[in-house]
Structures are given as structure tokens and as C-alpha cells.
């Protein structure tokens, strides 16, 4: 589990590839609460 391991995030960064552990477009963890403010 290190830079040589292509299955880990650190290994993906080292090799410059993308996959499950390191998506090309990282998904947002929490959406901004804009809908709640618009309703009020």
C-alpha cells in the first residue's frame, strides 16, 4: 500500500491515472444548502 500500488489513491496520483479510488471528477461530499434558503 504505497506509491507503487496502482489500486490506492496515492498510487493513482503517482502514476497519474484515475479510477474508483481516484475519480477524475471528485464527487461533492455535501451539497450546498441553496434549496432551503430559496423556499423561505
PDB file of N, CA and C in Angstrom:
ATOM      1  N   UNK A   1       0.839  -1.193   0.000  1.00  0.00           N
ATOM      2  CA  UNK A   1       0.000   0.000   0.000  1.00  0.00           C
ATOM      3  C   UNK A   1       0.881   1.252   0.000  1.00  0.00           C
ATOM      4  N   UNK A   2       1.201   1.715  -1.171  1.00  0.00           N
ATOM      5  CA  UNK A   2       2.038   2.909  -1.252  1.00  0.00           C
ATOM      6  C   UNK A   2       1.957   3.519  -2.634  1.00  0.00           C
ATOM      7  N   UNK A   3       2.996   4.226  -3.005  1.00  0.00           N
ATOM      8  CA  UNK A   3       3.007   4.900  -4.304  1.00  0.00           C
ATOM      9  C   UNK A   3       3.078   3.920  -5.468  1.00  0.00           C
ATOM     10  N   UNK A   4       3.597   2.733  -5.224  1.00  0.00           N
ATOM     11  CA  UNK A   4       3.702   1.731  -6.284  1.00  0.00           C
ATOM     12  C   UNK A   4       2.409   0.971  -6.534  1.00  0.00           C
ATOM     13  N   UNK A   5       1.494   1.018  -5.563  1.00  0.00           N
ATOM     14  CA  UNK A   5       0.236   0.282  -5.661  1.00  0.00           C
ATOM     15  C   UNK A   5      -0.773   1.093  -6.477  1.00  0.00           C
ATOM     16  N   UNK A   6      -1.091   0.633  -7.663  1.00  0.00           N
ATOM     17  CA  UNK A   6      -1.994   1.363  -8.561  1.00  0.00           C
ATOM     18  C   UNK A   6      -3.454   1.326  -8.123  1.00  0.00           C
ATOM     19  N   UNK A   7      -3.776   0.452  -7.177  1.00  0.00           N
ATOM     20  CA  UNK A   7      -5.158   0.352  -6.702  1.00  0.00           C
ATOM     21  C   UNK A   7      -5.495   1.384  -5.631  1.00  0.00           C
ATOM     22  N   UNK A   8      -4.473   2.013  -5.041  1.00  0.00           N
ATOM     23  CA  UNK A   8      -4.719   3.005  -3.998  1.00  0.00           C
ATOM     24  C   UNK A   8      -4.699   4.413  -4.579  1.00  0.00           C
ATOM     25  N   UNK A   9      -5.246   5.362  -3.831  1.00  0.00           N
ATOM     26  CA  UNK A   9      -5.306   6.761  -4.270  1.00  0.00           C
ATOM     27  C   UNK A   9      -3.904   7.335  -4.457  1.00  0.00           C
ATOM     28  N   UNK A  10      -3.024   7.031  -3.504  1.00  0.00           N
ATOM     29  CA  UNK A  10      -1.642   7.516  -3.567  1.00  0.00           C
ATOM     30  C   UNK A  10      -0.917   6.972  -4.798  1.00  0.00           C
ATOM     31  N   UNK A  11      -1.188   5.703  -5.113  1.00  0.00           N
ATOM     32  CA  UNK A  11      -0.583   5.077  -6.282  1.00  0.00           C
ATOM     33  C   UNK A  11      -1.111   5.660  -7.587  1.00  0.00           C
ATOM     34  N   UNK A  12      -2.394   6.005  -7.596  1.00  0.00           N
ATOM     35  CA  UNK A  12      -3.013   6.615  -8.772  1.00  0.00           C
ATOM     36  C   UNK A  12      -2.411   7.999  -9.017  1.00  0.00           C
ATOM     37  N   UNK A  13      -2.189   8.762  -7.955  1.00  0.00           N
ATOM     38  CA  UNK A  13      -1.589  10.090  -8.067  1.00  0.00           C
ATOM     39  C   UNK A  13      -0.162   9.970  -8.603  1.00  0.00           C
ATOM     40  N   UNK A  14       0.582   8.979  -8.106  1.00  0.00           N
ATOM     41  CA  UNK A  14       1.964   8.761  -8.519  1.00  0.00           C
ATOM     42  C   UNK A  14       2.055   8.372  -9.992  1.00  0.00           C
ATOM     43  N   UNK A  15       1.133   7.501 -10.439  1.00  0.00           N
ATOM     44  CA  UNK A  15       1.140   7.042 -11.831  1.00  0.00           C
ATOM     45  C   UNK A  15       0.382   7.988 -12.763  1.00  0.00           C
ATOM     46  N   UNK A  16      -0.417   8.888 -12.169  1.00  0.00           N
ATOM     47  CA  UNK A  16      -1.165   9.867 -12.956  1.00  0.00           C
ATOM     48  C   UNK A  16      -2.385   9.282 -13.637  1.00  0.00           C
ATOM     49  N   UNK A  17      -3.031   8.292 -12.995  1.00  0.00           N
ATOM     50  CA  UNK A  17      -4.224   7.666 -13.562  1.00  0.00           C
ATOM     51  C   UNK A  17      -5.428   7.912 -12.671  1.00  0.00           C
ATOM     52  N   UNK A  18      -6.610   7.600 -13.216  1.00  0.00           N
ATOM     53  CA  UNK A  18      -7.862   7.787 -12.480  1.00  0.00           C
ATOM     54  C   UNK A  18      -8.634   6.484 -12.421  1.00  0.00           C
ATOM     55  N   UNK A  19      -9.480   6.354 -11.404  1.00  0.00           N
ATOM     56  CA  UNK A  19     -10.277   5.145 -11.247  1.00  0.00           C
ATOM     57  C   UNK A  19     -11.260   5.278 -10.099  1.00  0.00           C
ATOM     58  N   UNK A  20     -11.623   4.153  -9.493  1.00  0.00           N
ATOM     59  CA  UNK A  20     -12.584   4.144  -8.377  1.00  0.00           C
ATOM     60  C   UNK A  20     -12.040   4.890  -7.164  1.00  0.00           C
ATOM     61  N   UNK A  21     -10.794   4.605  -6.828  1.00  0.00           N
ATOM     62  CA  UNK A  21     -10.194   5.217  -5.637  1.00  0.00           C
ATOM     63  C   UNK A  21      -9.801   6.672  -5.873  1.00  0.00           C
ATOM     64  N   UNK A  22      -9.625   7.046  -7.163  1.00  0.00           N
ATOM     65  CA  UNK A  22      -9.274   8.431  -7.505  1.00  0.00           C
ATOM     66  C   UNK A  22     -10.050   8.836  -8.759  1.00  0.00           C
ATOM     67  N   UNK A  23     -11.296   9.308  -8.583  1.00  0.00           N
ATOM     68  CA  UNK A  23     -12.083   9.711  -9.743  1.00  0.00           C
ATOM     69  C   UNK A  23     -11.532  10.966 -10.419  1.00  0.00           C
ATOM     70  N   UNK A  24     -11.708  11.063 -11.730  1.00  0.00           N
ATOM     71  CA  UNK A  24     -11.232  12.222 -12.486  1.00  0.00           C
ATOM     72  C   UNK A  24     -11.959  13.485 -12.044  1.00  0.00           C
ATOM     73  N   UNK A  25     -13.271  13.355 -11.819  1.00  0.00           N
ATOM     74  CA  UNK A  25     -14.069  14.465 -11.295  1.00  0.00           C
ATOM     75  C   UNK A  25     -14.571  14.056  -9.917  1.00  0.00           C
ATOM     76  N   UNK A  26     -13.931  14.538  -8.841  1.00  0.00           N
ATOM     77  CA  UNK A  26     -14.343  14.133  -7.500  1.00  0.00           C
ATOM     78  C   UNK A  26     -15.774  14.565  -7.177  1.00  0.00           C
ATOM     79  N   UNK A  27     -16.558  13.646  -6.675  1.00  0.00           N
ATOM     80  CA  UNK A  27     -17.956  13.925  -6.329  1.00  0.00           C
ATOM     81  C   UNK A  27     -18.026  14.786  -5.072  1.00  0.00           C
ATOM     82  N   UNK A  28     -18.964  15.719  -5.070  1.00  0.00           N
ATOM     83  CA  UNK A  28     -19.146  16.612  -3.924  1.00  0.00           C
ATOM     84  C   UNK A  28     -19.664  15.814  -2.734  1.00  0.00           C
ATOM     85  N   UNK A  29     -19.036  15.959  -1.578  1.00  0.00           N
ATOM     86  CA  UNK A  29     -19.425  15.216  -0.372  1.00  0.00           C
ATOM     87  C   UNK A  29     -20.736  15.741   0.192  1.00  0.00           C
ATOM     88  N   UNK A  30     -20.871  17.069   0.250  1.00  0.00           N
ATOM     89  CA  UNK A  30     -22.104  17.673   0.744  1.00  0.00           C
ATOM     90  C   UNK A  30     -22.530  18.796  -0.195  1.00  0.00           C
ATOM     91  N   UNK A  31     -23.775  18.745  -0.620  1.00  0.00           N
ATOM     92  CA  UNK A  31     -24.308  19.788  -1.493  1.00  0.00           C
ATOM     93  C   UNK A  31     -24.592  21.046  -0.680  1.00  0.00           C
ATOM     94  N   UNK A  32     -24.365  22.185  -1.301  1.00  0.00           N
ATOM     95  CA  UNK A  32     -24.603  23.455  -0.625  1.00  0.00           C
ATOM     96  C   UNK A  32     -26.102  23.640  -0.397  1.00  0.00           C
ATOM     97  N   UNK A  33     -26.501  24.040   0.802  1.00  0.00           N
ATOM     98  CA  UNK A  33     -27.941  24.182   1.098  1.00  0.00           C
ATOM     99  C   UNK A  33     -28.541  25.447   0.470  1.00  0.00           C
ATOM    100  N   UNK A  34     -28.738  25.421  -0.837  1.00  0.00           N
ATOM    101  CA  UNK A  34     -29.291  26.574  -1.560  1.00  0.00           C
ATOM    102  C   UNK A  34     -30.805  26.454  -1.708  1.00  0.00           C
ATOM    103  N   UNK A  35     -31.305  25.212  -1.791  1.00  0.00           N
ATOM    104  CA  UNK A  35     -32.735  24.984  -1.969  1.00  0.00           C
ATOM    105  C   UNK A  35     -33.540  25.425  -0.750  1.00  0.00           C
ATOM    106  N   UNK A  36     -33.008  25.207   0.454  1.00  0.00           N
ATOM    107  CA  UNK A  36     -33.694  25.560   1.692  1.00  0.00           C
ATOM    108  C   UNK A  36     -33.826  27.087   1.828  1.00  0.00           C
ATOM    109  N   UNK A  37     -32.811  27.799   1.398  1.00  0.00           N
ATOM    110  CA  UNK A  37     -32.827  29.260   1.513  1.00  0.00           C
ATOM    111  C   UNK A  37     -33.810  29.886   0.520  1.00  0.00           C
ATOM    112  N   UNK A  38     -33.985  29.250  -0.637  1.00  0.00           N
ATOM    113  CA  UNK A  38     -34.886  29.780  -1.663  1.00  0.00           C
ATOM    114  C   UNK A  38     -36.358  29.639  -1.269  1.00  0.00           C
ATOM    115  N   UNK A  39     -36.679  28.618  -0.492  1.00  0.00           N
ATOM    116  CA  UNK A  39     -38.072  28.362  -0.100  1.00  0.00           C
ATOM    117  C   UNK A  39     -38.585  29.397   0.899  1.00  0.00           C
ATOM    118  N   UNK A  40     -37.718  29.901   1.759  1.00  0.00           N
ATOM    119  CA  UNK A  40     -38.125  30.822   2.829  1.00  0.00           C
ATOM    120  C   UNK A  40     -38.399  32.229   2.318  1.00  0.00           C
TER     121      UNK A  40
END
